[in-house]
Each structure stands twice: as C-alpha cells, then as structure tokens.
Amino acid sequence: MRKVIALTDKKVIDKIFLARGKKVMLDRDLAEMYGVETRILNQAVKRNAKRFPEDFMFQLSEDEFQNLISQIVTSSPAESKSWGGVRKMPFAFSEQGVAMLSSVLNSNTAIEVNIQIIRIFTRLREELINNKEVLLKLEKLEKRVLEHDHQLGKHVNEIQVIFNAMKNLLITKVKPRRKIGFKLKNQ
C-alpha cells in the first residue's frame, strides 16, 4: 500500500480544477490522496458504475485535458511535467463523485481523506457565497451613492474609482505570505 500524503487545504485546493463548468478532482490525484494506484481506484468505480452518474464523474476529452494542462502550467510548472504521455484520458470527479468514492473504496483511509476533501469543498463554496454577498451589497451601495451624487451634481469619478478598487480586492485572490523564521529539516 502506498503512503497517503498529508492533506492540507492548499494541497487539496491545488488539485481542484474547472471542467465542464464544475469544480473537479482527477482520478490520479484522488488515488494519490487515498493511497491507492489510479487503476485500483478506477476499477472500484467501474465495478460500481451505477453510483457515478455523469454529474458525479466523467472522462475528460482531449480538448478538456489540454485545457487542464494549461491550468496546471499557469499554477504549477513542476506539476505539468508529470503529465507526459497519458494513454487514457483521466476521469474527473465532482464534489458528489468524491463523496461517493469513500463508499466504493471502503477503507478507513478513504473515509478520513474523503471527509477532509468534502470539508474543503464546503469551505470553498461558503467563501464564494460570502464574496458574492459582499459584492452585491457593494454594488447596491455604489448605485445609491452614484444616484445621490448625480442629484447633487457632483463629480462621481473619484467615487467610481474607489468602488472599482474595492471590487477588485474582493475578486482577486491574495497569495498567502511566506512564513519567516528558521525551518527545520523535518518540516
């Protein structure tokens, strides 16, 4: 049995990609996290095909795979080199498909890893909802202020610049800062 990687939010988030308008994880990445070979994971899924409808799991087309490689290249060049010649297009699992995997792999490791992955998917969804709510409130406030300023005949360019800057801050992701201090070899 292969060693299960220590899962951090960043490691899981780095393995989530967008395909067919859904956040998905690939079979090879999931297999690595579960500590099994990709072919073992795919065999378990094929034996339980009824549990994985098209919205839970699908095989990437060549175009989708090329798009995925470009996503990986922009985020992690070292990762993209490991995607050399593949014989079969990988399978992509949606959040529901990932949840279903623990029932077909049937191991304690699969259950523990699955719980961590689902929690991260849930946190991502909550963050997206929170950002949407803040953005909607900001747009309502912007509209009200701009209407008020037009009624008073004031210049609105300065206020518009401020609102645009605030929107950009909400939309763009802030990269976490590198921790400072001494690092031990074991860390």
Protein backbone atom coordinates (compact mmCIF):
# COMPACT_ATOMS: atom_id res chain seq x y z
CA MET A 1 0.00 0.00 0.00
CA ARG A 2 1.28 3.45 -0.93
CA LYS A 3 1.79 6.18 1.64
CA VAL A 4 -1.07 8.68 1.98
CA ILE A 5 0.04 12.28 1.59
CA ALA A 6 -0.50 14.67 4.46
CA LEU A 7 -3.51 16.66 3.35
CA THR A 8 -3.54 20.39 3.79
CA ASP A 9 -6.14 22.78 2.42
CA LYS A 10 -3.58 24.07 -0.09
CA LYS A 11 -2.67 20.58 -1.35
CA VAL A 12 -6.32 19.76 -1.94
CA ILE A 13 -7.22 23.15 -3.42
CA ASP A 14 -4.27 22.87 -5.83
CA LYS A 15 -5.82 19.63 -7.13
CA ILE A 16 -9.25 21.15 -7.83
CA PHE A 17 -9.78 22.20 -11.44
CA LEU A 18 -12.59 23.58 -13.53
CA ALA A 19 -14.01 21.29 -16.23
CA ARG A 20 -17.47 21.48 -17.84
CA GLY A 21 -18.31 24.34 -15.51
CA LYS A 22 -17.74 22.24 -12.38
CA LYS A 23 -15.02 22.05 -9.78
CA VAL A 24 -13.50 18.61 -10.19
CA MET A 25 -10.62 16.47 -8.99
CA LEU A 26 -8.81 13.97 -11.19
CA ASP A 27 -8.59 10.24 -10.64
CA ARG A 28 -4.80 10.23 -10.32
CA ASP A 29 -4.78 12.99 -7.69
CA LEU A 30 -7.55 11.31 -5.68
CA ALA A 31 -5.78 7.95 -5.91
CA GLU A 32 -2.61 9.54 -4.55
CA MET A 33 -4.54 11.08 -1.65
CA TYR A 34 -6.30 7.80 -0.88
CA GLY A 35 -3.02 5.90 -1.06
CA VAL A 36 -4.05 3.57 -3.91
CA GLU A 37 -2.99 3.19 -7.53
CA THR A 38 -5.08 5.06 -10.10
CA ARG A 39 -6.06 1.81 -11.82
CA ILE A 40 -7.35 0.41 -8.49
CA LEU A 41 -9.49 3.50 -7.93
CA ASN A 42 -10.85 3.33 -11.49
CA GLN A 43 -11.59 -0.40 -11.18
CA ALA A 44 -13.59 0.21 -7.99
CA VAL A 45 -15.53 2.94 -9.78
CA LYS A 46 -16.23 0.70 -12.81
CA ARG A 47 -17.48 -2.11 -10.53
CA ASN A 48 -19.92 0.42 -9.03
CA ALA A 49 -20.80 2.36 -12.19
CA LYS A 50 -24.41 2.96 -11.11
CA ARG A 51 -23.13 5.09 -8.22
CA PHE A 52 -21.36 7.50 -10.60
CA PRO A 53 -23.75 9.25 -13.00
CA GLU A 54 -22.40 11.84 -15.47
CA ASP A 55 -22.74 14.71 -12.96
CA PHE A 56 -20.61 12.77 -10.41
CA MET A 57 -17.86 11.58 -12.76
CA PHE A 58 -16.89 11.87 -16.42
CA GLN A 59 -13.89 11.16 -18.61
CA LEU A 60 -12.13 14.23 -19.96
CA SER A 61 -11.99 14.79 -23.70
CA GLU A 62 -8.64 15.58 -25.31
CA ASP A 63 -9.56 19.28 -25.55
CA GLU A 64 -10.57 19.38 -21.87
CA PHE A 65 -7.34 17.61 -20.98
CA GLN A 66 -5.27 20.18 -22.92
CA ASN A 67 -7.17 22.97 -21.15
CA LEU A 68 -6.44 21.30 -17.83
CA ILE A 69 -2.74 21.08 -18.63
CA SER A 70 -2.75 24.82 -19.35
CA GLN A 71 -4.42 25.42 -15.94
CA ILE A 72 -1.69 23.35 -14.29
CA VAL A 73 1.09 25.10 -16.20
CA THR A 74 -0.09 28.50 -15.02
CA SER A 75 -0.37 27.36 -11.43
CA SER A 76 2.47 24.88 -11.04
CA PRO A 77 5.04 24.21 -13.79
CA ALA A 78 6.63 21.29 -11.92
CA GLU A 79 3.26 19.57 -11.75
CA SER A 80 2.64 19.85 -15.50
CA LYS A 81 5.82 17.93 -16.35
CA SER A 82 4.41 14.84 -14.65
CA TRP A 83 1.54 14.77 -17.16
CA GLY A 84 3.71 13.47 -20.01
CA GLY A 85 2.20 10.91 -22.41
CA VAL A 86 -1.00 9.53 -20.99
CA ARG A 87 -2.59 6.51 -22.63
CA LYS A 88 -6.12 7.19 -21.43
CA MET A 89 -7.82 10.46 -20.64
CA PRO A 90 -8.27 10.89 -16.87
CA PHE A 91 -11.61 10.73 -15.09
CA ALA A 92 -12.85 13.86 -13.34
CA PHE A 93 -14.91 13.64 -10.14
CA SER A 94 -17.26 16.39 -8.98
CA GLU A 95 -17.79 17.05 -5.28
CA GLN A 96 -20.62 14.47 -5.26
CA GLY A 97 -18.38 11.95 -7.03
CA VAL A 98 -15.65 12.46 -4.45
CA ALA A 99 -18.21 11.86 -1.70
CA MET A 100 -19.30 8.64 -3.40
CA LEU A 101 -15.70 7.37 -3.68
CA SER A 102 -15.41 6.60 0.04
CA SER A 103 -18.27 4.12 -0.25
CA VAL A 104 -16.62 2.17 -3.08
CA LEU A 105 -13.06 2.24 -1.75
CA ASN A 106 -14.25 1.08 1.67
CA SER A 107 -11.18 1.71 3.80
CA ASN A 108 -10.55 3.84 6.87
CA THR A 109 -8.01 5.91 4.94
CA ALA A 110 -10.56 6.57 2.17
CA ILE A 111 -13.13 7.70 4.72
CA GLU A 112 -10.71 10.04 6.54
CA VAL A 113 -9.35 11.57 3.33
CA ASN A 114 -12.84 11.92 1.92
CA ILE A 115 -14.05 13.83 4.98
CA GLN A 116 -11.14 16.28 4.63
CA ILE A 117 -11.77 16.82 0.91
CA ILE A 118 -15.51 17.38 1.38
CA ARG A 119 -14.85 19.89 4.18
CA ILE A 120 -12.54 21.83 1.85
CA PHE A 121 -15.11 21.80 -0.98
CA THR A 122 -17.69 23.12 1.50
CA ARG A 123 -15.37 25.90 2.71
CA LEU A 124 -14.68 26.94 -0.89
CA ARG A 125 -18.41 27.12 -1.62
CA GLU A 126 -19.02 29.18 1.56
CA GLU A 127 -16.22 31.62 0.63
CA LEU A 128 -17.71 32.04 -2.84
CA ILE A 129 -21.16 32.73 -1.37
CA ASN A 130 -19.73 35.23 1.13
CA ASN A 131 -17.83 37.07 -1.61
CA LYS A 132 -20.99 37.22 -3.73
CA GLU A 133 -22.98 38.67 -0.83
CA VAL A 134 -20.34 41.34 -0.16
CA LEU A 135 -20.12 42.15 -3.87
CA LEU A 136 -23.92 42.54 -4.14
CA LYS A 137 -24.01 44.82 -1.09
CA LEU A 138 -21.16 46.88 -2.52
CA GLU A 139 -22.97 47.25 -5.86
CA LYS A 140 -26.17 48.38 -4.10
CA LEU A 141 -24.21 50.93 -2.09
CA GLU A 142 -22.39 52.12 -5.20
CA LYS A 143 -25.67 52.59 -7.06
CA ARG A 144 -27.20 54.54 -4.19
CA VAL A 145 -24.15 56.81 -3.77
CA LEU A 146 -23.89 57.47 -7.51
CA GLU A 147 -27.60 58.34 -7.76
CA HIS A 148 -27.24 60.69 -4.80
CA ASP A 149 -24.16 62.38 -6.29
CA HIS A 150 -25.86 62.82 -9.67
CA GLN A 151 -28.76 64.54 -7.95
CA LEU A 152 -26.33 66.92 -6.25
CA GLY A 153 -24.39 67.46 -9.48
CA LYS A 154 -21.05 66.34 -8.04
CA HIS A 155 -18.28 64.61 -9.92
CA VAL A 156 -18.56 60.86 -9.45
CA ASN A 157 -15.26 59.75 -10.99
CA GLU A 158 -13.42 59.65 -7.67
CA ILE A 159 -16.12 57.56 -6.02
CA GLN A 160 -16.28 55.23 -9.02
CA VAL A 161 -12.51 54.62 -8.75
CA ILE A 162 -12.91 53.72 -5.07
CA PHE A 163 -15.75 51.26 -5.78
CA ASN A 164 -13.80 49.63 -8.62
CA ALA A 165 -10.77 49.20 -6.37
CA MET A 166 -12.92 47.61 -3.66
CA LYS A 167 -14.47 45.20 -6.18
CA ASN A 168 -11.03 44.21 -7.45
CA LEU A 169 -9.91 43.46 -3.91
CA LEU A 170 -12.89 41.14 -3.42
CA ILE A 171 -12.46 39.36 -6.73
CA THR A 172 -8.70 38.81 -6.77
CA LYS A 173 -7.16 36.17 -4.53
CA VAL A 174 -4.47 37.30 -2.14
CA LYS A 175 -1.50 34.94 -2.12
CA PRO A 176 -0.52 33.86 1.39
CA ARG A 177 2.68 35.41 2.60
CA ARG A 178 5.75 33.26 3.06
CA LYS A 179 6.36 32.46 6.71
CA ILE A 180 9.55 33.86 8.13
CA GLY A 181 11.84 32.24 10.62
CA PHE A 182 14.00 29.18 10.87
CA LYS A 183 12.95 25.95 9.19
CA LEU A 184 13.95 22.57 10.49
CA LYS A 185 14.80 19.85 8.01
CA ASN A 186 11.85 17.75 9.21
CA GLN A 187 9.30 20.48 8.40
